[in-house]
Amino acid sequence: MSDVKKQELFELGLKFFNHKQFYDAHEYWEELWLEYHLIDKKFIQGLIQLTVGYYHWSTGNLKGAFSLLNKSLNKMQAFSPSNRGLDVDLIIKSTRLSIQSIEDGKKIDWDRIPRLEVSL
């Protein structure tokens, strides 16, 4: 498969994530993660876990959200400060705040979810 297709899948995941359509974002990133040999495969897996964590939180599954956001956080830390033009440090900070909100038993706080913007 082409680099164009890989980039398209990545960007579609970003688009759906930023529109808080987490299930769809996860689908695009999962295809990228499963179908292609990537040097940053763990990063894409971390994005998938981040997305599914927020999906779980949005449906009230705090245990699932907590677990997946922590798994994502562990993977993201290896790609600090940035990867693929994304501010990984912002993702890490937002994820930590989200995990704290979950520990406090709060419903999803849409302001805690970072906007994933590629900067060059």
Protein backbone atom coordinates (compact mmCIF):
# COMPACT_ATOMS: atom_id res chain seq x y z
CA MET A 1 0.00 0.00 0.00
CA SER A 2 1.08 3.50 -0.65
CA ASP A 3 2.31 6.23 1.64
CA VAL A 4 -0.65 8.29 0.42
CA LYS A 5 -3.09 5.69 1.80
CA LYS A 6 -1.22 5.56 5.12
CA GLN A 7 -1.36 9.35 5.41
CA GLU A 8 -5.03 9.37 4.46
CA LEU A 9 -5.89 6.87 7.21
CA PHE A 10 -3.91 8.90 9.75
CA GLU A 11 -5.63 12.15 8.75
CA LEU A 12 -9.10 10.60 8.73
CA GLY A 13 -8.46 9.36 12.27
CA LEU A 14 -7.52 12.90 13.29
CA LYS A 15 -10.61 14.35 11.65
CA PHE A 16 -12.99 11.98 13.40
CA PHE A 17 -11.17 12.28 16.74
CA ASN A 18 -11.47 16.07 16.62
CA HIS A 19 -15.18 15.73 15.89
CA LYS A 20 -15.44 13.44 18.94
CA GLN A 21 -16.46 10.53 16.73
CA PHE A 22 -14.17 8.20 18.59
CA TYR A 23 -15.40 4.91 17.20
CA ASP A 24 -14.78 6.04 13.63
CA ALA A 25 -11.37 7.51 14.48
CA HIS A 26 -10.40 4.21 16.07
CA GLU A 27 -11.42 2.32 12.92
CA TYR A 28 -9.12 4.36 10.64
CA TRP A 29 -6.18 4.18 13.01
CA GLU A 30 -6.70 0.48 13.58
CA GLU A 31 -6.56 -0.17 9.84
CA LEU A 32 -3.32 1.82 9.69
CA TRP A 33 -1.92 -0.07 12.69
CA LEU A 34 -2.90 -3.54 11.44
CA GLU A 35 -2.24 -3.26 7.71
CA TYR A 36 1.06 -1.41 7.49
CA HIS A 37 4.59 -1.80 8.74
CA LEU A 38 5.15 1.43 10.65
CA ILE A 39 8.23 2.63 12.48
CA ASP A 40 5.94 4.27 15.04
CA LYS A 41 3.44 1.42 15.38
CA LYS A 42 3.33 1.91 19.18
CA PHE A 43 2.36 5.55 18.67
CA ILE A 44 -0.59 4.60 16.47
CA GLN A 45 -1.56 1.96 19.03
CA GLY A 46 -1.43 4.67 21.68
CA LEU A 47 -3.75 6.86 19.60
CA ILE A 48 -6.16 3.94 19.25
CA GLN A 49 -6.12 3.38 23.00
CA LEU A 50 -6.60 7.10 23.62
CA THR A 51 -9.58 7.16 21.28
CA VAL A 52 -11.22 4.06 22.74
CA GLY A 53 -10.57 5.40 26.24
CA TYR A 54 -12.48 8.57 25.42
CA TYR A 55 -15.20 6.51 23.75
CA HIS A 56 -15.60 4.47 26.95
CA TRP A 57 -15.65 7.60 29.08
CA SER A 58 -18.34 9.14 26.85
CA THR A 59 -20.53 6.05 27.35
CA GLY A 60 -20.00 6.00 31.12
CA ASN A 61 -17.59 3.06 31.22
CA LEU A 62 -15.13 4.61 33.67
CA LYS A 63 -13.20 1.40 34.29
CA GLY A 64 -12.57 0.86 30.56
CA ALA A 65 -11.72 4.53 30.05
CA PHE A 66 -9.28 4.54 32.96
CA SER A 67 -7.53 1.41 31.73
CA LEU A 68 -7.16 2.48 28.11
CA LEU A 69 -6.12 6.06 28.86
CA ASN A 70 -3.37 4.72 31.13
CA LYS A 71 -2.19 2.32 28.43
CA SER A 72 -2.17 5.17 25.93
CA LEU A 73 -0.26 7.40 28.32
CA ASN A 74 2.46 4.76 28.72
CA LYS A 75 2.93 4.57 24.95
CA MET A 76 2.74 8.32 24.30
CA GLN A 77 5.54 9.08 26.74
CA ALA A 78 8.02 7.32 24.43
CA PHE A 79 7.18 9.81 21.65
CA SER A 80 7.50 13.05 23.64
CA PRO A 81 7.69 15.89 22.77
CA SER A 82 6.13 15.34 19.32
CA ASN A 83 5.49 12.76 16.64
CA ARG A 84 3.88 12.98 13.20
CA GLY A 85 3.54 16.72 13.75
CA LEU A 86 1.37 16.22 16.83
CA ASP A 87 2.13 17.83 20.18
CA VAL A 88 2.59 14.63 22.17
CA ASP A 89 3.28 16.59 25.35
CA LEU A 90 -0.19 18.15 25.04
CA ILE A 91 -1.72 14.69 24.57
CA ILE A 92 0.12 13.47 27.68
CA LYS A 93 -0.99 16.46 29.75
CA SER A 94 -4.61 16.14 28.62
CA THR A 95 -4.60 12.40 29.23
CA ARG A 96 -3.30 12.86 32.77
CA LEU A 97 -6.04 15.43 33.49
CA SER A 98 -8.64 13.06 32.05
CA ILE A 99 -7.37 10.17 34.18
CA GLN A 100 -7.59 12.40 37.25
CA SER A 101 -11.17 13.35 36.37
CA ILE A 102 -12.07 9.67 36.00
CA GLU A 103 -10.46 8.88 39.36
CA ASP A 104 -12.61 11.65 40.83
CA GLY A 105 -15.69 9.95 39.34
CA LYS A 106 -16.52 12.79 36.97
CA LYS A 107 -18.49 12.47 33.76
CA ILE A 108 -16.63 13.16 30.56
CA ASP A 109 -15.21 16.65 30.39
CA TRP A 110 -15.07 17.53 26.72
CA ASP A 111 -12.61 20.33 27.51
CA ARG A 112 -10.08 17.72 28.68
CA ILE A 113 -9.94 16.10 25.27
CA PRO A 114 -7.14 17.64 23.22
CA ARG A 115 -7.61 18.82 19.67
CA LEU A 116 -5.11 16.88 17.59
CA GLU A 117 -3.62 19.32 15.12
CA VAL A 118 -0.61 18.61 12.93
CA SER A 119 1.96 21.37 12.92
CA LEU A 120 4.91 21.31 10.59
